[in-house]
């Protein structure tokens, strides 16, 4: 990534700080086997660095931005076992940050940096009450004993305006993740046969994504056949696929942590039944109609309201309900969310769209008593004049899915 992009990101973040405020951003911890290292998104967004345990400090001192990065010190005796650590010069070249120190200097320097500060923005502090404290929360606990008047807030408050509007480089990462996800989906549709296990289709997806050079999925894949597709967050992926089943895929690769999020539903037999085709066509029509609504100035609630209206009419035509108010029995989620470095990216549920946003459009109908679940999800870039469907090359037309 161009260091100019990273410098601009840090400058924009610093502009939102007052002279008595500071931001501390922690990198992810090293992974436990067998996971590959996956960097914290906010740390990666601001530094471009794929190294564990590092800490970024951004503050404003007398209207001047101060930026410091702390990294692990290379110890020759340990590097024989663990490999070389990134040097300060390598970190500087990648991140564009001039002042780089070592983690064993952090406690001394942060003690001075927090003097006279009223507020500290920090990443990764929003967790549930019964979860184990993470390193950010332990840091806060330690600091509060020494600086009891210092207030803490999650970094989302100040980084949200930056991350919700994507630049050209970010769109390229998303497009690559989407295209490679599409390759996996096409391979699944081609190779899927009745009697296969859902996890076999997941393996096809993982193979295609890995051989194209991406190491991570954006989230745990959903490979749901038959009645499993009526469970929205079905994740077991361990059922045998029946000969007349529809298979619902909700999957997405990640490229430099930018996530695709695509849903496709297809008949494993190669042919929809009459009922399956009727349900599928209703969802497909809603998907297309909502996509055409996307443009700057339209809000996510606008898209949801229209989706509910259309889905309710569909359910009446399918003779699943007799009153529109009963739609929630067969459609119970929102039609859209922001997409970026997280599959459900930071961005308000009631946000008004602006150019550079990327969102999903994902209507669905779920009929457990008929063992049918259909969801069709595309990833949409908001442009200055309307929209661009980043996933338009991934098959969703009935004639494309039938053999």
Protein backbone atom coordinates (compact mmCIF):
# COMPACT_ATOMS: atom_id res chain seq x y z
CA UNK A 1 0.00 0.00 0.00
CA UNK A 2 1.21 3.52 -0.77
CA UNK A 3 2.45 5.21 2.41
CA UNK A 4 0.74 8.41 1.20
CA UNK A 5 -2.63 6.70 1.72
CA UNK A 6 -1.64 5.63 5.24
CA UNK A 7 -0.33 9.10 6.11
CA UNK A 8 -3.61 10.67 4.95
CA UNK A 9 -5.61 8.22 7.05
CA UNK A 10 -3.64 9.06 10.18
CA UNK A 11 -3.87 12.78 9.45
CA UNK A 12 -7.65 12.59 9.05
CA UNK A 13 -7.94 10.67 12.30
CA UNK A 14 -5.72 13.13 14.15
CA UNK A 15 -7.82 16.06 12.89
CA UNK A 16 -10.71 14.75 14.95
CA UNK A 17 -8.67 14.85 18.16
CA UNK A 18 -8.54 17.75 20.58
CA UNK A 19 -5.25 18.76 22.21
CA UNK A 20 -6.17 16.81 25.34
CA UNK A 21 -7.06 13.57 23.52
CA UNK A 22 -5.02 10.55 22.43
CA UNK A 23 -5.59 7.39 20.40
CA UNK A 24 -3.94 4.04 21.17
CA UNK A 25 -4.35 1.22 18.66
CA UNK A 26 -3.20 -2.32 19.49
CA UNK A 27 -2.17 -4.86 16.86
CA UNK A 28 -3.55 -8.39 17.12
CA UNK A 29 -1.81 -10.97 19.29
CA UNK A 30 0.03 -13.90 17.67
CA UNK A 31 -2.32 -16.68 16.54
CA UNK A 32 -2.71 -20.05 18.14
CA UNK A 33 -2.30 -23.11 15.91
CA UNK A 34 -3.72 -23.75 13.33
CA UNK A 35 -4.87 -20.22 12.44
CA UNK A 36 -2.84 -17.88 10.29
CA UNK A 37 -2.12 -14.46 11.75
CA UNK A 38 -4.99 -12.05 11.15
CA UNK A 39 -4.28 -8.42 11.91
CA UNK A 40 -6.63 -6.14 13.81
CA UNK A 41 -8.49 -4.15 11.16
CA UNK A 42 -8.11 -0.71 12.71
CA UNK A 43 -4.39 -1.22 13.28
CA UNK A 44 -3.93 -2.47 9.71
CA UNK A 45 -6.01 0.41 8.34
CA UNK A 46 -3.74 2.97 10.01
CA UNK A 47 -0.32 1.30 9.59
CA UNK A 48 -0.44 -1.28 6.78
CA UNK A 49 1.60 -3.59 9.02
CA UNK A 50 1.00 -7.34 9.39
CA UNK A 51 2.93 -7.80 12.65
CA UNK A 52 1.61 -8.92 16.05
CA UNK A 53 1.74 -7.11 19.40
CA UNK A 54 2.66 -3.67 18.01
CA UNK A 55 1.06 -0.48 19.38
CA UNK A 56 0.28 2.78 17.57
CA UNK A 57 -0.10 6.10 19.41
CA UNK A 58 -1.67 9.16 17.79
CA UNK A 59 -2.12 12.40 19.68
CA UNK A 60 -2.21 16.15 19.20
CA UNK A 61 0.23 18.36 21.11
CA UNK A 62 -0.23 22.12 20.70
CA UNK A 63 -2.00 21.60 17.36
CA UNK A 64 0.83 19.36 16.13
CA UNK A 65 0.15 15.71 15.33
CA UNK A 66 2.32 13.19 17.18
CA UNK A 67 2.61 9.62 15.87
CA UNK A 68 4.63 6.81 17.46
CA UNK A 69 4.78 3.11 16.70
CA UNK A 70 6.06 0.45 19.10
CA UNK A 71 7.20 -2.92 17.70
CA UNK A 72 8.77 -6.09 19.08
CA UNK A 73 12.53 -6.01 19.49
CA UNK A 74 14.41 -8.74 17.62
CA UNK A 75 16.28 -11.05 20.01
CA UNK A 76 18.76 -13.30 18.14
CA UNK A 77 18.35 -16.24 20.54
CA UNK A 78 14.56 -16.23 19.99
CA UNK A 79 14.67 -15.46 16.28
CA UNK A 80 16.43 -18.81 15.71
CA UNK A 81 13.14 -20.43 16.78
CA UNK A 82 10.53 -17.87 15.75
CA UNK A 83 12.06 -16.16 12.73
CA UNK A 84 13.23 -12.59 12.20
CA UNK A 85 11.22 -9.70 13.63
CA UNK A 86 10.43 -6.72 11.46
CA UNK A 87 13.05 -4.01 11.88
CA UNK A 88 12.37 -0.36 12.59
CA UNK A 89 13.53 0.54 9.08
CA UNK A 90 11.22 -2.06 7.47
CA UNK A 91 8.32 -0.80 9.59
CA UNK A 92 9.06 2.77 8.54
CA UNK A 93 9.13 1.87 4.82
CA UNK A 94 5.78 0.06 4.97
CA UNK A 95 3.88 2.39 7.31
CA UNK A 96 5.43 5.77 6.57
CA UNK A 97 5.73 6.37 10.34
CA UNK A 98 8.97 8.13 11.22
CA UNK A 99 9.13 7.58 14.99
CA UNK A 100 9.40 3.85 15.69
CA UNK A 101 10.42 2.46 19.07
CA UNK A 102 10.38 -0.91 20.80
CA UNK A 103 7.66 -2.36 23.01
CA UNK A 104 9.95 -2.50 26.03
CA UNK A 105 9.95 1.33 25.88
CA UNK A 106 6.15 1.65 25.78
CA UNK A 107 5.36 1.81 29.52
CA UNK A 108 7.83 4.64 30.12
CA UNK A 109 6.70 6.73 27.15
CA UNK A 110 2.95 6.19 27.55
CA UNK A 111 3.19 7.42 31.15
CA UNK A 112 4.32 10.80 29.86
CA UNK A 113 1.97 10.75 26.86
CA UNK A 114 -1.10 10.37 29.11
CA UNK A 115 -0.24 13.33 31.34
CA UNK A 116 -2.88 16.09 31.06
CA UNK A 117 -5.01 13.97 28.69
CA UNK A 118 -8.76 13.93 29.26
CA UNK A 119 -9.80 11.26 26.79
CA UNK A 120 -8.26 8.17 25.21
CA UNK A 121 -9.69 6.39 22.17
CA UNK A 122 -8.71 2.73 22.01
CA UNK A 123 -9.57 -0.24 19.78
CA UNK A 124 -11.17 -3.50 20.81
CA UNK A 125 -12.85 -2.52 24.08
CA UNK A 126 -16.44 -3.36 23.14
CA UNK A 127 -16.92 -6.92 24.40
CA UNK A 128 -19.58 -8.71 26.42
CA UNK A 129 -19.79 -8.53 30.20
CA UNK A 130 -18.98 -12.23 30.71
CA UNK A 131 -15.98 -12.37 28.35
CA UNK A 132 -12.35 -12.59 29.49
CA UNK A 133 -10.59 -9.21 29.55
CA UNK A 134 -8.44 -8.65 26.47
CA UNK A 135 -5.10 -6.81 26.48
CA UNK A 136 -6.76 -3.46 25.71
CA UNK A 137 -9.10 -3.82 28.68
CA UNK A 138 -6.27 -4.91 30.95
CA UNK A 139 -4.33 -1.85 29.82
CA UNK A 140 -7.30 0.39 30.68
CA UNK A 141 -7.62 -1.26 34.08
CA UNK A 142 -3.95 -0.61 34.79
CA UNK A 143 -4.04 3.01 33.57
CA UNK A 144 -7.13 3.92 35.57
CA UNK A 145 -5.25 3.28 38.81
CA UNK A 146 -2.72 5.97 37.83
CA UNK A 147 -4.94 8.33 35.81
CA UNK A 148 -8.44 8.03 37.38
CA UNK A 149 -9.83 11.08 35.56
CA UNK A 150 -8.90 9.82 32.09
CA UNK A 151 -11.95 8.82 30.02
CA UNK A 152 -11.85 5.93 27.55
CA UNK A 153 -13.92 5.46 24.40
CA UNK A 154 -13.86 2.99 21.53
CA UNK A 155 -12.00 4.15 18.43
CA UNK A 156 -15.08 3.42 16.30
CA UNK A 157 -16.42 6.87 17.14
CA UNK A 158 -13.62 8.63 15.24
CA UNK A 159 -12.57 6.02 12.67
CA UNK A 160 -16.09 5.29 11.35
CA UNK A 161 -16.20 8.35 9.02
CA UNK A 162 -12.91 7.22 7.49
CA UNK A 163 -13.56 3.50 7.02
CA UNK A 164 -17.10 3.78 5.65
CA UNK A 165 -15.94 5.71 2.55
CA UNK A 166 -13.61 3.58 0.44
CA UNK A 167 -10.93 4.88 -1.91
CA UNK A 168 -9.80 3.30 -5.17
CA UNK A 169 -7.21 1.04 -3.55
CA UNK A 170 -9.77 -0.32 -1.10
CA UNK A 171 -12.27 -1.00 -3.88
CA UNK A 172 -9.60 -3.03 -5.70
CA UNK A 173 -9.07 -5.21 -2.61
CA UNK A 174 -12.81 -5.77 -2.27
CA UNK A 175 -13.16 -6.55 -5.97
CA UNK A 176 -10.36 -9.11 -5.82
CA UNK A 177 -11.94 -10.78 -2.78
CA UNK A 178 -15.33 -10.83 -4.53
CA UNK A 179 -13.95 -12.18 -7.82
CA UNK A 180 -12.04 -14.98 -6.10
CA UNK A 181 -15.08 -15.82 -3.98
CA UNK A 182 -17.02 -15.99 -7.25
CA UNK A 183 -14.51 -18.49 -8.63
CA UNK A 184 -15.13 -20.69 -5.60
CA UNK A 185 -18.91 -20.40 -5.93
CA UNK A 186 -18.83 -21.30 -9.62
CA UNK A 187 -16.68 -24.34 -8.85
CA UNK A 188 -19.10 -25.47 -6.12
CA UNK A 189 -22.12 -25.16 -8.43
CA UNK A 190 -20.30 -27.16 -11.10
CA UNK A 191 -19.05 -29.94 -8.82
CA UNK A 192 -21.87 -30.31 -6.28
CA UNK A 193 -23.78 -33.60 -6.44
CA UNK A 194 -26.56 -35.14 -4.35
CA UNK A 195 -25.13 -37.22 -1.53
CA UNK A 196 -22.10 -35.01 -0.98
CA UNK A 197 -21.54 -33.54 2.45
CA UNK A 198 -21.84 -29.80 2.97
CA UNK A 199 -18.24 -29.67 4.20
CA UNK A 200 -17.10 -31.08 0.86
CA UNK A 201 -18.47 -27.96 -0.80
CA UNK A 202 -16.73 -25.85 1.84
CA UNK A 203 -13.47 -27.62 0.96
CA UNK A 204 -13.94 -26.76 -2.73
CA UNK A 205 -14.42 -23.13 -1.78
CA UNK A 206 -11.35 -23.07 0.48
CA UNK A 207 -9.24 -24.75 -2.20
CA UNK A 208 -10.19 -22.23 -4.89
CA UNK A 209 -9.60 -19.28 -2.58
CA UNK A 210 -6.24 -20.57 -1.34
CA UNK A 211 -4.91 -21.43 -4.80
CA UNK A 212 -5.73 -17.88 -5.92
CA UNK A 213 -3.44 -16.54 -3.20
CA UNK A 214 -5.82 -15.50 -0.40
CA UNK A 215 -5.25 -17.00 3.04
CA UNK A 216 -8.34 -15.92 4.97
CA UNK A 217 -12.09 -16.09 4.82
CA UNK A 218 -13.91 -12.95 5.87
CA UNK A 219 -16.16 -15.03 8.14
CA UNK A 220 -17.08 -18.66 8.78
CA UNK A 221 -18.73 -20.00 5.59
CA UNK A 222 -22.38 -21.02 5.58
CA UNK A 223 -23.01 -24.07 3.36
CA UNK A 224 -26.63 -24.96 4.08
CA UNK A 225 -28.65 -27.58 2.22
CA UNK A 226 -32.37 -28.29 2.41
CA UNK A 227 -33.95 -27.31 5.70
CA UNK A 228 -30.60 -26.10 7.08
CA UNK A 229 -30.91 -23.06 4.82
CA UNK A 230 -33.85 -21.85 6.89
CA UNK A 231 -31.43 -21.28 9.79
CA UNK A 232 -29.89 -17.88 9.12
CA UNK A 233 -26.51 -18.46 10.76
CA UNK A 234 -26.20 -22.20 10.16
CA UNK A 235 -22.50 -23.03 10.50
CA UNK A 236 -22.22 -26.78 11.11
CA UNK A 237 -21.79 -27.60 7.40
CA UNK A 238 -21.94 -31.32 8.21
CA UNK A 239 -25.14 -32.63 6.60
CA UNK A 240 -25.58 -34.87 3.59
CA UNK A 241 -27.14 -33.04 0.62
CA UNK A 242 -30.43 -34.53 -0.56
CA UNK A 243 -31.14 -35.08 -4.24
CA UNK A 244 -33.81 -32.37 -4.45
CA UNK A 245 -32.19 -29.90 -2.04
CA UNK A 246 -31.42 -26.28 -2.63
CA UNK A 247 -27.99 -25.30 -1.33
CA UNK A 248 -27.55 -21.83 0.17
CA UNK A 249 -24.00 -20.44 0.18
CA UNK A 250 -23.14 -17.38 2.29
CA UNK A 251 -19.39 -16.99 1.86
CA UNK A 252 -16.62 -14.48 1.37
CA UNK A 253 -12.84 -14.43 0.99
CA UNK A 254 -10.75 -11.61 2.44
CA UNK A 255 -8.03 -9.73 0.55
CA UNK A 256 -5.76 -7.62 2.78
CA UNK A 257 -8.59 -8.01 5.33
CA UNK A 258 -11.22 -6.55 2.93
CA UNK A 259 -14.14 -8.99 2.89
CA UNK A 260 -16.43 -10.26 0.21
CA UNK A 261 -19.91 -11.27 1.43
CA UNK A 262 -21.87 -13.20 -1.20
CA UNK A 263 -24.94 -15.40 -0.98
CA UNK A 264 -26.09 -17.68 -3.76
CA UNK A 265 -28.71 -20.45 -3.75
CA UNK A 266 -28.77 -23.26 -6.33
CA UNK A 267 -30.41 -26.67 -6.91
CA UNK A 268 -27.92 -29.48 -6.35
CA UNK A 269 -29.79 -31.62 -8.89
CA UNK A 270 -29.29 -29.01 -11.60
CA UNK A 271 -33.01 -28.23 -11.82
CA UNK A 272 -35.33 -26.23 -9.59
CA UNK A 273 -38.63 -27.81 -8.67
CA UNK A 274 -41.66 -25.72 -9.60
CA UNK A 275 -42.05 -24.52 -6.01
CA UNK A 276 -38.33 -23.83 -5.55
CA UNK A 277 -38.27 -21.82 -8.76
CA UNK A 278 -41.27 -19.76 -7.66
CA UNK A 279 -39.64 -18.88 -4.34
CA UNK A 280 -36.27 -18.20 -5.96
CA UNK A 281 -37.76 -15.88 -8.58
CA UNK A 282 -39.49 -13.81 -5.92
CA UNK A 283 -36.22 -13.32 -4.01
CA UNK A 284 -34.29 -12.57 -7.20
CA UNK A 285 -36.80 -9.88 -8.24
CA UNK A 286 -36.52 -8.23 -4.82
CA UNK A 287 -32.72 -8.38 -5.00
CA UNK A 288 -32.68 -6.62 -8.38
CA UNK A 289 -35.24 -3.99 -7.37
CA UNK A 290 -33.38 -3.02 -4.19
CA UNK A 291 -30.03 -2.84 -5.99
CA UNK A 292 -31.54 -0.37 -8.47
CA UNK A 293 -32.55 1.88 -5.56
CA UNK A 294 -28.97 2.31 -4.37
CA UNK A 295 -27.58 5.82 -4.78
CA UNK A 296 -26.27 8.69 -2.64
CA UNK A 297 -28.97 10.15 -0.38
CA UNK A 298 -30.88 6.88 0.04
CA UNK A 299 -30.76 5.48 3.57
CA UNK A 300 -30.46 1.89 4.75
CA UNK A 301 -33.90 2.22 6.42
CA UNK A 302 -35.28 3.22 2.97
CA UNK A 303 -33.91 -0.03 1.50
CA UNK A 304 -35.28 -2.08 4.40
CA UNK A 305 -38.74 -0.52 4.18
CA UNK A 306 -38.99 -1.25 0.45
CA UNK A 307 -37.69 -4.79 0.94
CA UNK A 308 -40.35 -5.56 3.56
CA UNK A 309 -43.03 -4.25 1.23
CA UNK A 310 -41.79 -6.41 -1.67
CA UNK A 311 -41.19 -9.53 0.43
CA UNK A 312 -44.66 -9.23 1.98
CA UNK A 313 -46.21 -9.18 -1.49
CA UNK A 314 -44.08 -12.16 -2.48
CA UNK A 315 -45.24 -14.15 0.54
CA UNK A 316 -48.85 -13.39 -0.35
CA UNK A 317 -48.30 -14.62 -3.90
CA UNK A 318 -46.59 -17.75 -2.57
CA UNK A 319 -49.61 -18.30 -0.28
CA UNK A 320 -47.40 -18.38 2.79
CA UNK A 321 -49.22 -15.59 4.64
CA UNK A 322 -52.65 -13.99 4.48
CA UNK A 323 -51.72 -10.70 6.13
CA UNK A 324 -48.67 -8.59 5.26
CA UNK A 325 -47.87 -7.98 8.90
CA UNK A 326 -46.97 -11.68 9.23
CA UNK A 327 -43.95 -11.39 6.91
CA UNK A 328 -41.46 -11.93 9.76
CA UNK A 329 -42.37 -15.59 9.87
CA UNK A 330 -40.47 -16.07 6.61
CA UNK A 331 -38.17 -13.02 6.42
CA UNK A 332 -36.53 -11.81 9.62
CA UNK A 333 -33.32 -9.90 8.87
CA UNK A 334 -32.26 -6.58 7.37
CA UNK A 335 -31.53 -6.32 3.67
CA UNK A 336 -28.22 -4.49 3.97
CA UNK A 337 -25.14 -3.68 6.00
CA UNK A 338 -21.86 -1.90 5.35
CA UNK A 339 -19.01 -3.99 3.95
CA UNK A 340 -15.26 -3.48 4.20
CA UNK A 341 -12.54 -4.74 6.51
CA UNK A 342 -15.25 -6.51 8.48
CA UNK A 343 -18.02 -8.47 6.80
CA UNK A 344 -20.44 -6.44 8.94
CA UNK A 345 -18.32 -3.33 8.69
CA UNK A 346 -18.51 -0.32 10.96
CA UNK A 347 -21.31 1.91 9.76
CA UNK A 348 -24.61 2.91 11.30
CA UNK A 349 -27.74 0.91 10.57
CA UNK A 350 -29.62 4.14 9.84
CA UNK A 351 -26.88 5.71 7.72
CA UNK A 352 -27.60 7.69 4.57
CA UNK A 353 -25.58 6.40 1.64
CA UNK A 354 -22.78 8.44 0.11
CA UNK A 355 -20.37 7.78 -2.75
CA UNK A 356 -17.64 5.38 -1.67
CA UNK A 357 -19.83 3.28 0.63
CA UNK A 358 -19.96 -0.44 -0.06
CA UNK A 359 -23.04 -2.29 1.16
CA UNK A 360 -24.71 -5.65 0.74
CA UNK A 361 -28.18 -6.28 -0.70
CA UNK A 362 -29.44 -9.62 0.60
CA UNK A 363 -33.17 -10.37 0.62
CA UNK A 364 -34.31 -13.87 1.46
CA UNK A 365 -37.28 -16.14 2.08
CA UNK A 366 -37.00 -19.02 4.56
CA UNK A 367 -39.65 -21.75 4.73
CA UNK A 368 -38.59 -24.40 7.28
CA UNK A 369 -41.74 -26.49 6.86
CA UNK A 370 -40.89 -26.91 3.16
CA UNK A 371 -37.13 -27.26 3.77
CA UNK A 372 -36.50 -24.27 1.53
CA UNK A 373 -34.22 -21.33 2.24
CA UNK A 374 -33.27 -18.79 -0.43
CA UNK A 375 -30.96 -15.82 -0.01
CA UNK A 376 -29.34 -13.84 -2.84
CA UNK A 377 -26.69 -11.35 -1.74
CA UNK A 378 -24.63 -8.95 -3.82
CA UNK A 379 -21.93 -6.44 -2.86
CA UNK A 380 -22.74 -2.94 -4.10
CA UNK A 381 -20.51 0.13 -4.42
CA UNK A 382 -22.30 3.46 -4.09
CA UNK A 383 -21.11 5.78 -6.88
CA UNK A 384 -21.72 9.50 -7.34
CA UNK A 385 -24.46 8.73 -9.90
CA UNK A 386 -25.91 5.52 -8.46
CA UNK A 387 -24.28 2.13 -7.93
CA UNK A 388 -21.93 -0.51 -9.27
CA UNK A 389 -22.62 -4.19 -8.60
CA UNK A 390 -19.19 -5.58 -7.70
CA UNK A 391 -20.51 -9.16 -7.73
CA UNK A 392 -22.44 -9.03 -11.01
CA UNK A 393 -20.25 -11.74 -12.60
CA UNK A 394 -21.29 -14.36 -10.03
CA UNK A 395 -24.21 -16.42 -11.43
CA UNK A 396 -27.67 -15.81 -10.00
CA UNK A 397 -30.09 -16.04 -12.95
CA UNK A 398 -32.18 -19.20 -13.04
CA UNK A 399 -30.85 -20.19 -16.45
CA UNK A 400 -27.28 -19.82 -15.18
CA UNK A 401 -27.91 -22.14 -12.22
CA UNK A 402 -29.81 -24.88 -14.03
CA UNK A 403 -27.95 -27.52 -16.02
